[in-house]
């Protein structure tokens, strides 16, 4: 399982993931809420700043909130 925290601070970490083909940074509303569009080879995710993009053991990607990630992080880090 792979988990990447999506934020404007760790864009480099996202680029190091071989599945990522393009990143687009957007600012919505009051400029405090940023969203990164993460384009993979065949999918596109709109990921709010601070959320996680997770690839599971079946190679499926999903977006998780920080609170949901906290519930599964032991499994994510346990299988590295």
C-alpha atoms as a PDB file:
ATOM      1  CA  UNK A   1       0.000   0.000   0.000  1.00  0.00           C
ATOM      2  CA  UNK A   2       1.274   3.477  -0.894  1.00  0.00           C
ATOM      3  CA  UNK A   3       0.069   6.670   0.780  1.00  0.00           C
ATOM      4  CA  UNK A   4       1.054  10.176  -0.245  1.00  0.00           C
ATOM      5  CA  UNK A   5      -0.016  13.270   1.655  1.00  0.00           C
ATOM      6  CA  UNK A   6      -1.056  15.756  -0.983  1.00  0.00           C
ATOM      7  CA  UNK A   7      -0.041  19.291  -0.153  1.00  0.00           C
ATOM      8  CA  UNK A   8       1.765  22.153  -1.774  1.00  0.00           C
ATOM      9  CA  UNK A   9       4.785  21.364   0.418  1.00  0.00           C
ATOM     10  CA  UNK A  10       5.395  17.829  -0.848  1.00  0.00           C
ATOM     11  CA  UNK A  11       4.837  18.095  -4.565  1.00  0.00           C
ATOM     12  CA  UNK A  12       8.302  16.606  -5.133  1.00  0.00           C
ATOM     13  CA  UNK A  13       7.273  13.405  -3.345  1.00  0.00           C
ATOM     14  CA  UNK A  14       4.310  13.119  -5.695  1.00  0.00           C
ATOM     15  CA  UNK A  15       6.532  13.487  -8.731  1.00  0.00           C
ATOM     16  CA  UNK A  16       8.686  10.619  -7.479  1.00  0.00           C
ATOM     17  CA  UNK A  17       5.667   8.299  -7.707  1.00  0.00           C
ATOM     18  CA  UNK A  18       5.862   6.554 -11.114  1.00  0.00           C
ATOM     19  CA  UNK A  19       2.072   6.483 -11.519  1.00  0.00           C
ATOM     20  CA  UNK A  20       1.742  10.287 -11.490  1.00  0.00           C
ATOM     21  CA  UNK A  21       1.766  11.848 -14.944  1.00  0.00           C
ATOM     22  CA  UNK A  22       0.769  15.455 -14.161  1.00  0.00           C
ATOM     23  CA  UNK A  23       0.047  17.773 -11.231  1.00  0.00           C
ATOM     24  CA  UNK A  24      -2.092  20.885 -11.443  1.00  0.00           C
ATOM     25  CA  UNK A  25      -2.359  23.225  -8.456  1.00  0.00           C
ATOM     26  CA  UNK A  26      -5.625  25.141  -8.120  1.00  0.00           C
ATOM     27  CA  UNK A  27      -6.754  27.700  -5.590  1.00  0.00           C
ATOM     28  CA  UNK A  28     -10.444  27.910  -4.829  1.00  0.00           C
ATOM     29  CA  UNK A  29     -12.427  30.591  -3.091  1.00  0.00           C
ATOM     30  CA  UNK A  30     -10.563  32.471  -0.406  1.00  0.00           C
ATOM     31  CA  UNK A  31      -7.123  31.177  -1.431  1.00  0.00           C
ATOM     32  CA  UNK A  32      -6.855  29.176   1.763  1.00  0.00           C
ATOM     33  CA  UNK A  33      -8.333  26.047   0.219  1.00  0.00           C
ATOM     34  CA  UNK A  34      -5.967  24.580  -2.306  1.00  0.00           C
ATOM     35  CA  UNK A  35      -6.683  21.553  -4.415  1.00  0.00           C
ATOM     36  CA  UNK A  36      -4.148  19.585  -6.377  1.00  0.00           C
ATOM     37  CA  UNK A  37      -5.320  17.770  -9.457  1.00  0.00           C
ATOM     38  CA  UNK A  38      -3.270  14.592  -9.587  1.00  0.00           C
ATOM     39  CA  UNK A  39      -3.389  12.930 -12.989  1.00  0.00           C
ATOM     40  CA  UNK A  40      -2.363   9.320 -13.062  1.00  0.00           C
ATOM     41  CA  UNK A  41      -1.915   7.252 -16.188  1.00  0.00           C
ATOM     42  CA  UNK A  42      -5.633   6.573 -16.551  1.00  0.00           C
ATOM     43  CA  UNK A  43      -7.364   8.559 -13.768  1.00  0.00           C
ATOM     44  CA  UNK A  44      -7.597  12.021 -12.329  1.00  0.00           C
ATOM     45  CA  UNK A  45      -8.085  12.962  -8.677  1.00  0.00           C
ATOM     46  CA  UNK A  46      -9.036  16.301  -7.170  1.00  0.00           C
ATOM     47  CA  UNK A  47      -7.299  16.144  -3.821  1.00  0.00           C
ATOM     48  CA  UNK A  48      -7.806  18.869  -1.191  1.00  0.00           C
ATOM     49  CA  UNK A  49      -4.680  20.183   0.494  1.00  0.00           C
ATOM     50  CA  UNK A  50      -3.719  17.920   3.393  1.00  0.00           C
ATOM     51  CA  UNK A  51      -5.646  14.857   2.175  1.00  0.00           C
ATOM     52  CA  UNK A  52      -4.013  11.572   1.175  1.00  0.00           C
ATOM     53  CA  UNK A  53      -3.838   9.722  -2.121  1.00  0.00           C
ATOM     54  CA  UNK A  54      -3.642   6.006  -1.334  1.00  0.00           C
ATOM     55  CA  UNK A  55      -2.896   3.043  -3.593  1.00  0.00           C
ATOM     56  CA  UNK A  56      -4.090  -0.251  -2.115  1.00  0.00           C
ATOM     57  CA  UNK A  57      -2.876  -3.808  -2.635  1.00  0.00           C
ATOM     58  CA  UNK A  58      -5.196  -4.155  -5.667  1.00  0.00           C
ATOM     59  CA  UNK A  59      -3.543  -1.149  -7.362  1.00  0.00           C
ATOM     60  CA  UNK A  60      -6.665   0.951  -6.796  1.00  0.00           C
ATOM     61  CA  UNK A  61      -6.211   4.634  -5.954  1.00  0.00           C
ATOM     62  CA  UNK A  62      -8.471   6.615  -3.641  1.00  0.00           C
ATOM     63  CA  UNK A  63      -8.517   9.920  -1.780  1.00  0.00           C
ATOM     64  CA  UNK A  64      -8.698   9.813   2.006  1.00  0.00           C
ATOM     65  CA  UNK A  65      -9.337  12.536   4.537  1.00  0.00           C
ATOM     66  CA  UNK A  66      -6.737  12.949   7.287  1.00  0.00           C
ATOM     67  CA  UNK A  67      -9.117  11.420   9.858  1.00  0.00           C
ATOM     68  CA  UNK A  68      -9.805   8.348   7.711  1.00  0.00           C
ATOM     69  CA  UNK A  69      -6.105   7.973   6.992  1.00  0.00           C
ATOM     70  CA  UNK A  70      -5.416   7.968  10.739  1.00  0.00           C
ATOM     71  CA  UNK A  71      -7.657   4.892  11.042  1.00  0.00           C
ATOM     72  CA  UNK A  72      -5.703   2.879   8.465  1.00  0.00           C
ATOM     73  CA  UNK A  73      -2.171   4.300   8.709  1.00  0.00           C
ATOM     74  CA  UNK A  74      -0.826   1.361  10.711  1.00  0.00           C
ATOM     75  CA  UNK A  75      -1.758  -0.957   7.866  1.00  0.00           C
ATOM     76  CA  UNK A  76      -0.219   1.391   5.303  1.00  0.00           C
ATOM     77  CA  UNK A  77       3.081   1.699   7.140  1.00  0.00           C
ATOM     78  CA  UNK A  78       3.099  -1.937   8.234  1.00  0.00           C
ATOM     79  CA  UNK A  79       3.193  -3.215   4.657  1.00  0.00           C
ATOM     80  CA  UNK A  80       6.006  -1.036   3.300  1.00  0.00           C
END
